[in-house]
Protein backbone atom coordinates (compact mmCIF):
# COMPACT_ATOMS: atom_id res chain seq x y z
CA MET A 1 0.00 0.00 0.00
CA ALA A 2 1.45 3.38 -0.99
CA LEU A 3 1.92 6.36 1.32
CA SER A 4 1.99 9.87 -0.08
CA ALA A 5 1.60 13.20 1.68
CA THR A 6 2.74 16.78 1.18
CA THR A 7 2.43 19.77 3.46
CA THR A 8 4.08 23.18 3.59
CA LEU A 9 5.37 24.76 6.78
CA PRO A 10 6.19 28.48 7.03
CA HIS A 11 9.65 27.80 8.49
CA SER A 12 13.12 27.15 7.09
CA VAL A 13 14.35 23.67 6.21
CA ASP A 14 16.96 23.89 8.98
CA SER A 15 14.29 24.74 11.57
CA VAL A 16 11.95 21.95 10.44
CA ALA A 17 14.76 19.38 10.37
CA ALA A 18 15.94 20.43 13.84
CA VAL A 19 12.45 20.00 15.28
CA LEU A 20 11.94 16.58 13.69
CA VAL A 21 15.06 15.30 15.48
CA ASN A 22 14.44 17.04 18.80
CA GLU A 23 13.92 14.57 21.64
CA ASP A 24 11.43 16.83 23.47
CA PHE A 25 9.38 17.18 20.28
CA GLN A 26 9.42 13.41 19.70
CA ARG A 27 8.28 12.86 23.30
CA HIS A 28 5.49 15.44 22.82
CA VAL A 29 4.19 13.73 19.65
CA SER A 30 4.32 10.31 21.32
CA GLN A 31 2.35 11.55 24.34
CA LEU A 32 -0.15 13.35 22.10
CA VAL A 33 -1.31 9.99 20.74
CA GLY A 34 -1.29 8.31 24.15
CA GLY A 35 2.11 6.69 23.77
CA THR A 36 5.51 6.84 25.39
CA LEU A 37 8.88 7.65 23.89
CA GLU A 38 11.04 4.84 25.23
CA SER A 39 14.32 6.02 23.70
CA PHE A 40 15.65 8.53 21.20
CA THR A 41 19.17 8.78 19.81
CA VAL A 42 20.88 10.89 17.18
CA ASP A 43 24.14 9.58 15.74
CA GLY A 44 26.16 12.28 13.99
CA ASP A 45 25.96 16.04 13.60
CA ILE A 46 22.56 17.21 12.31
CA ALA A 47 24.35 19.80 10.17
CA GLY A 48 25.47 16.91 7.92
CA ALA A 49 24.47 13.29 7.38
CA PHE A 50 23.20 11.58 10.53
CA ASN A 51 20.85 8.88 11.84
CA ALA A 52 18.00 9.26 14.32
CA THR A 53 16.31 6.33 16.05
CA SER A 54 13.20 6.48 18.18
CA VAL A 55 11.48 3.67 20.02
CA ARG A 56 7.89 4.28 21.06
CA THR A 57 5.20 2.31 22.82
CA LEU A 58 1.84 3.20 21.28
CA PRO A 59 -1.71 2.18 22.20
CA THR A 60 -3.67 0.03 19.76
CA THR A 61 -7.06 1.53 20.64
CA ARG A 62 -7.52 2.93 17.13
CA LEU A 63 -6.73 -0.33 15.37
CA PRO A 64 -9.52 -2.61 14.18
CA GLU A 65 -10.48 -5.14 16.86
CA ILE A 66 -9.22 -8.06 14.79
CA ALA A 67 -5.76 -6.48 14.71
CA ARG A 68 -5.80 -5.81 18.47
CA LYS A 69 -6.42 -9.52 19.06
CA PHE A 70 -3.05 -10.27 17.45
CA VAL A 71 -0.93 -7.42 18.80
CA GLY A 72 -2.46 -6.64 22.20
CA GLU A 73 -3.04 -3.27 23.83
CA HIS A 74 0.29 -1.68 22.87
CA LEU A 75 2.75 -1.71 20.00
CA LYS A 76 6.48 -1.11 20.21
CA VAL A 77 7.48 0.89 17.14
CA THR A 78 11.10 1.50 16.15
CA GLN A 79 11.61 4.32 13.66
CA VAL A 80 15.00 4.77 12.02
CA GLU A 81 15.70 7.87 9.95
CA ASN A 82 18.85 8.04 7.82
CA TRP A 83 19.29 11.72 6.99
CA GLU A 84 21.46 12.85 4.10
CA ALA A 85 23.61 15.97 4.29
CA PRO A 86 21.87 19.12 3.02
CA ALA A 87 21.81 19.59 -0.76
CA ALA A 88 23.29 22.73 -2.32
CA ASP A 89 19.90 24.48 -2.03
CA GLY A 90 19.54 23.46 1.65
CA SER A 91 16.95 20.75 1.01
CA ARG A 92 17.16 17.59 3.13
CA GLN A 93 16.11 13.99 2.65
CA SER A 94 15.69 11.15 5.11
CA ASN A 95 15.05 7.49 4.45
CA ILE A 96 12.65 6.20 7.09
CA SER A 97 11.94 2.66 8.20
CA LEU A 98 9.39 1.61 10.79
CA LYS A 99 9.41 -1.79 12.44
CA ILE A 100 6.51 -2.84 14.64
CA ALA A 101 7.42 -5.53 17.17
CA GLY A 102 5.01 -8.44 17.05
CA ALA A 103 3.24 -7.22 13.92
CA PRO A 104 4.03 -8.42 10.39
CA VAL A 105 4.17 -4.87 8.99
CA ASP A 106 7.13 -2.98 7.57
CA VAL A 107 7.07 0.65 6.51
CA THR A 108 9.64 2.36 4.33
CA ALA A 109 9.42 5.97 3.26
CA VAL A 110 11.42 8.87 1.92
CA GLN A 111 10.84 12.26 3.49
CA ARG A 112 12.06 15.36 1.68
CA LEU A 113 12.31 18.82 3.17
CA VAL A 114 12.35 21.21 0.21
CA ALA A 115 12.95 24.96 0.48
CA ASP A 116 9.85 26.60 -0.97
CA ALA A 117 9.21 30.38 -1.05
CA GLY A 118 10.55 31.11 2.44
CA GLY A 119 9.07 27.94 3.92
CA THR A 120 9.53 24.19 3.69
CA ARG A 121 7.54 21.72 1.66
CA VAL A 122 7.51 18.37 3.46
CA GLU A 123 7.05 15.52 0.98
CA LEU A 124 6.58 11.95 2.12
CA GLU A 125 6.38 8.89 -0.12
CA GLY A 126 6.56 5.33 1.00
CA ALA A 127 5.01 1.91 1.28
CA VAL A 128 3.42 -0.29 3.92
CA LYS A 129 3.99 -4.01 3.45
CA SER A 130 3.06 -7.16 5.29
CA SER A 131 4.72 -10.54 4.87
CA VAL A 132 1.71 -12.63 5.91
CA PRO A 133 0.68 -15.02 3.10
CA PHE A 134 -2.78 -14.35 1.68
CA LEU A 135 -3.65 -11.72 4.33
CA GLY A 136 -0.64 -9.45 3.85
CA GLY A 137 -2.45 -7.05 1.53
CA LYS A 138 -5.38 -6.68 3.92
CA ILE A 139 -3.06 -6.11 6.86
CA ALA A 140 -1.10 -3.48 4.93
CA ASP A 141 -4.35 -1.84 3.79
CA ALA A 142 -5.52 -1.60 7.40
CA ALA A 143 -2.17 -0.28 8.65
CA GLU A 144 -1.62 2.32 5.91
CA PRO A 145 -4.15 4.94 7.10
CA MET A 146 -2.79 4.72 10.65
CA VAL A 147 0.80 5.17 9.48
CA ALA A 148 -0.16 8.04 7.15
CA LYS A 149 -2.03 9.81 9.97
CA ALA A 150 0.95 9.40 12.31
CA LEU A 151 3.41 10.84 9.82
CA ASN A 152 1.05 13.71 8.92
CA LEU A 153 0.48 14.43 12.62
CA GLN A 154 4.21 14.80 13.07
CA ALA A 155 4.40 17.44 10.31
CA ALA A 156 1.43 19.38 11.71
CA GLN A 157 2.86 19.25 15.21
CA ALA A 158 6.24 20.47 13.90
CA GLN A 159 4.56 23.69 12.80
CA ALA A 160 2.82 24.15 16.16
CA TRP A 161 6.07 23.38 18.00
CA LEU A 162 8.05 25.92 15.97
CA GLU A 163 5.43 28.59 16.61
CA SER A 164 5.38 27.99 20.36
CA HIS A 165 9.12 27.49 21.05
């Protein structure tokens, strides 16, 4: 199942990137959806290429009941972002992978932060896949809206965070 989303924030690429890899911001977004940020690490200098890894525990209350029967009341989600160094125009790109412990779902995405008329256009494209024979497509179809909402929520919250901090 394909993921695709675009939003524009009225802040510089550097500001948006810095918020997306800010531990307090990641904790805020996790708590906003009823979860907990278990750990957050950044390896490397965010001015260049670096990696960010977050591990969250998230509630499954918004999943269909059939899915909750398999995964329980909480999910442990590990998100790894491999950020490239800024391009000549200041744009940034990160390759994102999400692994959900105990669930046969993998998410891969590319997030681009593109300088756009004094702001930043956040572009996200990716895929949700499941390795379960016969049911994999249905599982991915059910997971895709939840993943898309989570990634869109992060972009919306980045704007609110930048305006309030």
